[in-house]
Amino acid sequence: MNVSSHHLNRLLHLFSFLAAICLCSCSAKSGTNGEAPKQLTSAAAVPVLVGRSEAQDVAVELRNIGNVDAYSTVTIRSQVTGQITKVHFSEGDEVKTGDMLFSIDSRPAEGALRQAQADLKRDQAQLTGAKLEFERQKKLIEQKITSRDDYEKAEASFQALEGTVLADEAFVSRARLQLEYTKIRSPIDGRTGNLMVKEGNIVKAPDDAMVIINQVQPIYVTFSTPEQDLPPIRQRLKESKLWVEVEMAPEAGVSPRGELTFIDNTVDTTTGRIKLKATFANTNNVLWPGQFVQTKLTLRTLTNAIVVPARAIQSSQNGDFVFVVKPDSTVQKRLIATGLSRGGKTVIDQGVQYGETVVTDGQLRLRDGSLVKAQEEKATQAAQLSGAKTP
């Protein structure tokens, strides 16, 4: 009986030992398979979005807010006092040089002209008689038949009437001009504004304004730029023309393009800016006096400049930097020198080469040497759009 119990205990110990060996063998196989390290490695990689550096031609532009000004502005006033008998245009009409604008009652001017012409004719007749008398006295004095006193009187009367006739001719010219002033014509090509007087009103010369005409073809766009931009602008003007583009709403069509034609002769000491003007043909009347517009002055073009997405650039006490993804899926923190920023892209003057991959999202979890799981930014956006369209 005792022997049998002892034998049973030995069997139990042997079974426990074999079970332990099997368990260790399974654990070893699991470790050899490498599944656990892979899970650990995957958990350690930081998911980020990335983009690539590209080579592009980038325009060096100066952008400023500008104001549209009429090429010329004329306030129409009457040069004679009188009653308006007719208005020959409607408010807002386009007019050409010489087009009739207003008619003023011409009867007073016509009467003054007839009076001046009558005075001239009378004095011309008297001058003819005085001239004949002077010539007669001249012959008599040569023959010593008349006295020197009668000769001198005839000469003086003749000369006085010559002066009177000249004055009469001046009066006729002035009266004719006053008559012409009763017909008011446009001095420029342009567009009429608000009509300040109506038919039947009495206008007083030269105080009463009647209408304002703005010349809008061509037209000016006035803007200002910081004084530090003045040297490169002046240098480029020596080499070629500079063009200014006005950015318009999409429904306006093509953005107008004009030539820089004016640089002010002084910098505003209160703002540190200098005024410039560009002239636009404005044949389609897109630009309108008084508009505020966004101007773009192109100085030059950087050829094959290295650009990266602007979101990739981070700032630190040491300067701007980006995280560059290396072939082994780790990142390198690089200090960079940045240039212009246009359309979500920033020019990199130093620190990044063409075709390198940079992190555009997820930088807060990174440090130099971090392992990342990179995903292209464009692919992510496409997947999001696809998911949004899926019902």
Protein backbone atom coordinates (compact mmCIF):
# COMPACT_ATOMS: atom_id res chain seq x y z
CA MET A 1 0.00 0.00 0.00
CA ASN A 2 2.83 2.40 0.90
CA VAL A 3 4.76 1.51 -2.21
CA SER A 4 1.79 2.27 -4.41
CA SER A 5 1.34 5.78 -2.90
CA HIS A 6 4.99 6.57 -3.33
CA HIS A 7 4.81 5.51 -6.98
CA LEU A 8 1.80 7.77 -7.53
CA ASN A 9 3.61 10.79 -6.13
CA ARG A 10 6.55 10.25 -8.48
CA LEU A 11 4.19 10.13 -11.43
CA LEU A 12 2.59 13.41 -10.39
CA HIS A 13 6.01 15.15 -10.13
CA LEU A 14 6.98 13.83 -13.56
CA PHE A 15 3.75 15.17 -15.12
CA SER A 16 4.30 18.62 -13.59
CA PHE A 17 7.87 18.73 -14.91
CA LEU A 18 6.76 17.86 -18.46
CA ALA A 19 4.01 20.51 -18.39
CA ALA A 20 6.52 23.15 -17.34
CA ILE A 21 8.85 22.17 -20.20
CA CYS A 22 6.00 22.50 -22.75
CA LEU A 23 5.03 25.93 -21.42
CA CYS A 24 8.60 27.22 -21.68
CA SER A 25 8.88 25.84 -25.21
CA CYS A 26 5.72 27.73 -26.31
CA SER A 27 6.97 30.95 -24.73
CA ALA A 28 10.29 30.58 -26.52
CA LYS A 29 8.56 30.04 -29.86
CA SER A 30 6.43 33.10 -29.32
CA GLY A 31 9.56 35.16 -28.65
CA THR A 32 11.32 33.70 -31.65
CA ASN A 33 8.37 34.62 -33.92
CA GLY A 34 8.98 38.33 -33.16
CA GLU A 35 5.33 39.39 -32.92
CA ALA A 36 5.71 41.21 -29.61
CA PRO A 37 8.69 43.40 -30.69
CA LYS A 38 6.81 44.35 -33.83
CA GLN A 39 3.85 45.54 -31.80
CA LEU A 40 6.15 47.53 -29.58
CA THR A 41 7.93 49.13 -32.56
CA SER A 42 4.64 50.08 -34.24
CA ALA A 43 3.40 51.72 -31.07
CA ALA A 44 6.60 53.80 -30.78
CA ALA A 45 6.34 55.35 -34.32
CA VAL A 46 4.65 58.81 -34.37
CA PRO A 47 2.04 59.22 -37.14
CA VAL A 48 2.67 62.40 -39.15
CA LEU A 49 1.66 64.02 -42.40
CA VAL A 50 4.44 64.87 -44.83
CA GLY A 51 5.06 66.80 -48.03
CA ARG A 52 7.97 67.17 -50.43
CA SER A 53 10.14 70.13 -51.26
CA GLU A 54 9.73 71.32 -54.83
CA ALA A 55 11.49 73.59 -57.31
CA GLN A 56 9.29 76.41 -58.63
CA ASP A 57 9.57 79.80 -60.28
CA VAL A 58 8.45 82.29 -57.62
CA ALA A 59 7.60 85.91 -58.39
CA VAL A 60 8.99 88.54 -56.02
CA GLU A 61 5.90 90.67 -55.42
CA LEU A 62 4.99 93.71 -53.36
CA ARG A 63 1.37 93.59 -52.26
CA ASN A 64 -0.41 96.70 -50.98
CA ILE A 65 -3.88 98.16 -50.70
CA GLY A 66 -4.49 100.83 -53.34
CA ASN A 67 -7.13 103.35 -54.29
CA VAL A 68 -8.52 103.95 -57.79
CA ASP A 69 -8.34 107.60 -58.93
CA ALA A 70 -9.74 109.25 -62.03
CA TYR A 71 -7.09 110.12 -64.62
CA SER A 72 -8.48 113.66 -64.60
CA THR A 73 -11.45 115.32 -62.93
CA VAL A 74 -13.22 118.44 -64.20
CA THR A 75 -15.91 120.40 -62.37
CA ILE A 76 -18.11 122.10 -64.96
CA ARG A 77 -19.05 125.72 -64.10
CA SER A 78 -20.67 128.37 -66.23
CA GLN A 79 -18.60 131.37 -67.33
CA VAL A 80 -21.72 133.49 -67.79
CA THR A 81 -24.62 134.10 -65.44
CA GLY A 82 -27.97 133.04 -66.85
CA GLN A 83 -30.82 130.56 -66.98
CA ILE A 84 -30.28 126.96 -68.11
CA THR A 85 -32.52 126.30 -71.08
CA LYS A 86 -31.49 122.70 -71.82
CA VAL A 87 -29.43 119.83 -70.37
CA HIS A 88 -28.07 117.68 -73.20
CA PHE A 89 -27.07 114.53 -71.24
CA SER A 90 -28.26 112.18 -68.51
CA GLU A 91 -26.46 111.55 -65.25
CA GLY A 92 -23.78 108.86 -65.64
CA ASP A 93 -23.48 109.22 -69.42
CA GLU A 94 -20.14 108.86 -71.16
CA VAL A 95 -19.25 112.05 -73.04
CA LYS A 96 -16.54 112.96 -75.54
CA THR A 97 -14.51 116.13 -75.83
CA GLY A 98 -16.70 118.82 -77.41
CA ASP A 99 -20.06 117.18 -76.64
CA MET A 100 -22.77 119.66 -75.65
CA LEU A 101 -23.63 119.58 -71.95
CA PHE A 102 -25.75 122.66 -71.19
CA SER A 103 -27.42 125.52 -73.04
CA ILE A 104 -27.84 128.83 -71.23
CA ASP A 105 -30.27 131.55 -72.37
CA SER A 106 -28.31 133.28 -75.14
CA ARG A 107 -30.56 136.28 -75.76
CA PRO A 108 -28.66 138.72 -73.50
CA ALA A 109 -25.35 137.69 -75.12
CA GLU A 110 -26.82 138.01 -78.62
CA GLY A 111 -28.08 141.51 -77.83
CA ALA A 112 -24.69 142.55 -76.45
CA LEU A 113 -23.01 141.22 -79.61
CA ARG A 114 -25.35 143.16 -81.91
CA GLN A 115 -24.75 146.34 -79.91
CA ALA A 116 -21.00 145.89 -80.12
CA GLN A 117 -21.20 145.25 -83.86
CA ALA A 118 -23.34 148.39 -84.35
CA ASP A 119 -20.86 150.51 -82.40
CA LEU A 120 -18.03 149.11 -84.50
CA LYS A 121 -19.81 149.90 -87.75
CA ARG A 122 -20.59 153.48 -86.66
CA ASP A 123 -17.04 154.17 -85.60
CA GLN A 124 -15.64 152.59 -88.75
CA ALA A 125 -17.73 155.07 -90.79
CA GLN A 126 -16.45 157.98 -88.70
CA LEU A 127 -12.91 156.69 -89.15
CA THR A 128 -13.36 156.71 -92.93
CA GLY A 129 -14.43 160.39 -92.84
CA ALA A 130 -11.61 161.32 -90.51
CA LYS A 131 -9.10 159.60 -92.76
CA LEU A 132 -10.33 161.53 -95.82
CA GLU A 133 -10.17 164.82 -93.91
CA PHE A 134 -6.67 164.05 -92.71
CA GLU A 135 -5.45 163.23 -96.23
CA ARG A 136 -7.04 166.47 -97.55
CA GLN A 137 -5.40 168.56 -94.86
CA LYS A 138 -2.09 166.86 -95.57
CA LYS A 139 -2.22 167.93 -99.24
CA LEU A 140 -3.25 171.47 -98.29
CA ILE A 141 -0.44 171.83 -95.80
CA GLU A 142 2.03 170.68 -98.45
CA GLN A 143 0.67 173.41 -100.74
CA LYS A 144 0.75 175.87 -97.82
CA ILE A 145 -2.92 176.60 -98.30
CA THR A 146 -4.17 175.54 -94.82
CA SER A 147 -2.83 176.23 -91.37
CA ARG A 148 -0.71 173.89 -89.29
CA ASP A 149 -3.42 173.92 -86.59
CA ASP A 150 -6.13 172.54 -88.92
CA TYR A 151 -3.76 169.80 -90.12
CA GLU A 152 -2.92 168.67 -86.60
CA LYS A 153 -6.58 168.62 -85.57
CA ALA A 154 -7.43 166.37 -88.54
CA GLU A 155 -4.53 164.06 -87.67
CA ALA A 156 -5.57 163.78 -84.03
CA SER A 157 -9.20 163.04 -84.92
CA PHE A 158 -8.10 160.33 -87.36
CA GLN A 159 -5.82 158.62 -84.80
CA ALA A 160 -8.47 158.83 -82.06
CA LEU A 161 -11.03 157.11 -84.25
CA GLU A 162 -8.48 154.40 -85.14
CA GLY A 163 -8.21 153.63 -81.45
CA THR A 164 -11.98 153.66 -81.03
CA VAL A 165 -12.40 151.15 -83.85
CA LEU A 166 -9.80 148.84 -82.27
CA ALA A 167 -11.69 149.01 -78.98
CA ASP A 168 -14.96 148.29 -80.76
CA GLU A 169 -13.42 145.22 -82.38
CA ALA A 170 -12.33 144.01 -78.96
CA PHE A 171 -15.86 144.50 -77.63
CA VAL A 172 -17.25 142.50 -80.54
CA SER A 173 -14.79 139.66 -79.85
CA ARG A 174 -15.69 139.62 -76.18
CA ALA A 175 -19.43 139.70 -76.93
CA ARG A 176 -19.00 136.83 -79.40
CA LEU A 177 -17.07 134.86 -76.73
CA GLN A 178 -19.80 135.51 -74.16
CA LEU A 179 -22.31 134.16 -76.65
CA GLU A 180 -20.18 131.05 -77.13
CA TYR A 181 -20.07 130.57 -73.33
CA THR A 182 -23.84 130.04 -73.36
CA LYS A 183 -23.13 126.66 -74.96
CA ILE A 184 -21.21 124.57 -72.40
CA ARG A 185 -19.28 121.64 -73.88
CA SER A 186 -17.25 118.82 -72.35
CA PRO A 187 -13.51 119.60 -72.16
CA ILE A 188 -12.50 115.90 -71.77
CA ASP A 189 -13.58 112.36 -72.54
CA GLY A 190 -15.16 110.93 -69.42
CA ARG A 191 -18.23 109.95 -67.46
CA THR A 192 -20.63 112.44 -65.96
CA GLY A 193 -21.60 112.33 -62.30
CA ASN A 194 -24.47 113.73 -60.28
CA LEU A 195 -26.32 116.58 -62.01
CA MET A 196 -26.28 119.52 -59.60
CA VAL A 197 -28.57 121.87 -61.57
CA LYS A 198 -31.69 121.33 -63.64
CA GLU A 199 -33.32 123.07 -66.59
CA GLY A 200 -34.74 126.43 -65.55
CA ASN A 201 -32.19 127.04 -62.79
CA ILE A 202 -30.23 130.29 -62.77
CA VAL A 203 -26.49 129.71 -62.54
CA LYS A 204 -24.10 132.32 -61.25
CA ALA A 205 -20.70 132.52 -62.90
CA PRO A 206 -18.27 131.18 -61.80
CA ASP A 207 -19.51 130.02 -58.41
CA ASP A 208 -22.12 127.36 -59.18
CA ALA A 209 -20.88 123.82 -59.95
CA MET A 210 -23.08 122.07 -62.50
CA VAL A 211 -21.61 118.56 -62.92
CA ILE A 212 -18.33 116.71 -62.36
CA ILE A 213 -16.75 114.66 -65.17
CA ASN A 214 -14.22 111.93 -64.38
CA GLN A 215 -11.90 110.56 -67.03
CA VAL A 216 -11.77 106.80 -66.42
CA GLN A 217 -10.00 105.62 -69.61
CA PRO A 218 -7.13 105.53 -68.75
CA ILE A 219 -7.32 105.51 -64.97
CA TYR A 220 -4.88 105.63 -62.04
CA VAL A 221 -4.39 103.21 -59.16
CA THR A 222 -2.57 104.91 -56.30
CA PHE A 223 -0.86 102.91 -53.54
CA SER A 224 2.05 103.22 -51.13
CA THR A 225 4.90 100.91 -50.21
CA PRO A 226 7.45 100.91 -47.35
CA GLU A 227 10.50 103.05 -47.99
CA GLN A 228 12.84 100.02 -47.89
CA ASP A 229 11.19 98.82 -51.12
CA LEU A 230 12.13 102.03 -52.95
CA PRO A 231 15.75 101.10 -53.94
CA PRO A 232 14.83 97.82 -55.69
CA ILE A 233 11.88 99.50 -57.42
CA ARG A 234 14.04 102.31 -58.78
CA GLN A 235 16.74 99.86 -59.83
CA ARG A 236 14.25 97.69 -61.74
CA LEU A 237 12.75 100.76 -63.43
CA LYS A 238 16.16 101.55 -64.89
CA GLU A 239 16.22 98.10 -66.50
CA SER A 240 12.64 97.72 -67.76
CA LYS A 241 9.02 98.65 -67.19
CA LEU A 242 7.33 97.51 -63.99
CA TRP A 243 3.82 96.13 -64.12
CA VAL A 244 1.14 96.35 -61.46
CA GLU A 245 -1.74 93.90 -61.30
CA VAL A 246 -5.02 94.49 -59.49
CA GLU A 247 -6.59 91.42 -57.93
CA MET A 248 -10.33 91.33 -58.66
CA ALA A 249 -13.19 89.04 -57.68
CA PRO A 250 -13.46 85.89 -59.87
CA GLU A 251 -16.67 87.11 -61.49
CA ALA A 252 -14.84 90.22 -62.76
CA GLY A 253 -12.79 88.09 -65.16
CA VAL A 254 -9.14 88.81 -65.97
CA SER A 255 -7.32 90.99 -63.44
CA PRO A 256 -6.38 94.40 -64.91
CA ARG A 257 -2.69 95.05 -65.55
CA GLY A 258 -1.11 98.50 -65.67
CA GLU A 259 2.28 100.18 -65.85
CA LEU A 260 3.99 101.89 -62.92
CA THR A 261 4.22 105.52 -64.07
CA PHE A 262 4.81 107.63 -60.97
CA ILE A 263 6.96 107.59 -57.83
CA ASP A 264 6.44 110.45 -55.41
CA ASN A 265 9.38 112.76 -54.73
CA THR A 266 9.28 112.34 -50.95
CA VAL A 267 8.66 109.69 -48.30
CA ASP A 268 5.85 110.35 -45.84
CA THR A 269 7.67 110.95 -42.56
CA THR A 270 4.67 109.95 -40.45
CA THR A 271 4.19 106.51 -42.04
CA GLY A 272 7.57 105.74 -43.64
CA ARG A 273 5.85 104.94 -46.91
CA ILE A 274 6.11 106.40 -50.41
CA LYS A 275 3.28 106.95 -52.88
CA LEU A 276 3.25 105.27 -56.31
CA LYS A 277 0.83 105.35 -59.24
CA ALA A 278 0.10 102.87 -61.99
CA THR A 279 -1.78 103.72 -65.18
CA PHE A 280 -4.41 101.26 -66.46
CA ALA A 281 -6.12 101.39 -69.87
CA ASN A 282 -9.40 100.33 -68.20
CA THR A 283 -11.08 99.72 -71.55
CA ASN A 284 -13.72 97.49 -69.92
CA ASN A 285 -14.42 99.94 -67.06
CA VAL A 286 -13.63 97.32 -64.40
CA LEU A 287 -11.85 99.92 -62.27
CA TRP A 288 -13.98 102.72 -60.82
CA PRO A 289 -12.85 105.92 -59.08
CA GLY A 290 -12.88 105.55 -55.31
CA GLN A 291 -12.46 101.76 -55.23
CA PHE A 292 -10.10 100.12 -52.75
CA VAL A 293 -8.16 97.33 -54.46
CA GLN A 294 -5.37 94.84 -53.75
CA THR A 295 -2.32 95.67 -55.86
CA LYS A 296 0.55 93.36 -56.81
CA LEU A 297 3.81 94.89 -58.09
CA THR A 298 6.11 92.23 -59.57
CA LEU A 299 9.81 93.07 -59.19
CA ARG A 300 11.44 89.88 -60.51
CA THR A 301 11.09 86.07 -60.63
CA LEU A 302 13.16 83.55 -58.63
CA THR A 303 13.94 80.65 -60.98
CA ASN A 304 13.79 77.08 -59.59
CA ALA A 305 13.48 78.21 -55.98
CA ILE A 306 13.12 75.46 -53.35
CA VAL A 307 9.69 75.66 -51.70
CA VAL A 308 8.01 73.64 -48.96
CA PRO A 309 4.47 73.77 -47.51
CA ALA A 310 4.28 76.69 -45.12
CA ARG A 311 2.80 74.41 -42.41
CA ALA A 312 6.08 72.52 -42.25
CA ILE A 313 7.96 75.51 -40.82
CA GLN A 314 8.26 75.79 -37.04
CA SER A 315 9.84 78.49 -34.91
CA SER A 316 12.22 78.27 -31.99
CA GLN A 317 14.63 80.49 -30.06
CA ASN A 318 17.36 79.48 -32.49
CA GLY A 319 15.28 80.35 -35.57
CA ASP A 320 12.95 78.61 -38.00
CA PHE A 321 13.30 74.86 -38.54
CA VAL A 322 11.68 71.85 -40.21
CA PHE A 323 11.66 68.13 -39.51
CA VAL A 324 13.12 66.24 -42.48
CA VAL A 325 12.16 62.55 -42.80
CA LYS A 326 15.20 60.36 -43.53
CA PRO A 327 15.13 57.02 -45.42
CA ASP A 328 15.11 55.05 -42.12
CA SER A 329 11.80 56.77 -41.11
CA THR A 330 13.45 58.91 -38.46
CA VAL A 331 13.37 62.71 -38.51
CA GLN A 332 16.15 65.26 -38.47
CA LYS A 333 15.56 68.73 -37.08
CA ARG A 334 17.12 71.33 -39.42
CA LEU A 335 17.48 75.06 -39.03
CA ILE A 336 16.49 76.89 -42.21
CA ALA A 337 16.56 80.33 -43.80
CA THR A 338 13.18 81.28 -45.23
CA GLY A 339 12.24 83.64 -48.04
CA LEU A 340 8.95 84.61 -49.64
CA SER A 341 5.61 82.96 -48.87
CA ARG A 342 3.02 82.59 -51.64
CA GLY A 343 -0.10 80.44 -51.87
CA GLY A 344 0.68 78.23 -48.89
CA LYS A 345 4.29 77.64 -50.01
CA THR A 346 7.45 79.18 -48.51
CA VAL A 347 10.77 79.63 -50.27
CA ILE A 348 13.69 77.99 -48.44
CA ASP A 349 16.93 79.85 -49.05
CA GLN A 350 19.03 77.42 -47.02
CA GLY A 351 18.56 74.12 -45.15
CA VAL A 352 16.44 71.93 -47.45
CA GLN A 353 17.30 70.31 -50.76
CA TYR A 354 15.02 69.53 -53.69
CA GLY A 355 12.89 66.39 -53.26
CA GLU A 356 13.35 65.97 -49.50
CA THR A 357 10.37 64.99 -47.35
CA VAL A 358 9.31 67.33 -44.55
CA VAL A 359 6.75 66.90 -41.79
CA THR A 360 3.70 69.14 -42.26
CA ASP A 361 1.55 67.98 -39.33
CA GLY A 362 2.33 66.32 -36.01
CA GLN A 363 5.52 68.23 -35.18
CA LEU A 364 4.57 68.79 -31.52
CA ARG A 365 5.22 65.10 -30.70
CA LEU A 366 8.61 64.99 -32.43
CA ARG A 367 12.19 65.54 -31.47
CA ASP A 368 15.43 65.07 -33.37
CA GLY A 369 15.73 61.34 -34.21
CA SER A 370 12.09 60.42 -33.55
CA LEU A 371 10.68 57.43 -35.45
CA VAL A 372 7.68 58.39 -37.56
CA LYS A 373 4.95 56.72 -39.58
CA ALA A 374 4.65 59.08 -42.55
CA GLN A 375 1.59 59.59 -44.71
CA GLU A 376 1.48 61.84 -47.74
CA GLU A 377 -0.65 64.92 -47.16
CA LYS A 378 -2.31 64.74 -50.60
CA ALA A 379 -3.24 61.08 -50.09
CA THR A 380 -4.82 61.90 -46.73
CA GLN A 381 -6.88 64.72 -48.21
CA ALA A 382 -8.04 62.47 -51.06
CA ALA A 383 -9.09 59.77 -48.59
CA GLN A 384 -11.03 62.31 -46.52
CA LEU A 385 -12.82 63.58 -49.61
CA SER A 386 -13.61 60.03 -50.73
CA GLY A 387 -15.02 59.22 -47.31
CA ALA A 388 -17.12 62.39 -47.32
CA LYS A 389 -18.69 61.42 -50.68
CA THR A 390 -19.48 57.85 -49.59
CA PRO A 391 -23.18 57.58 -48.63
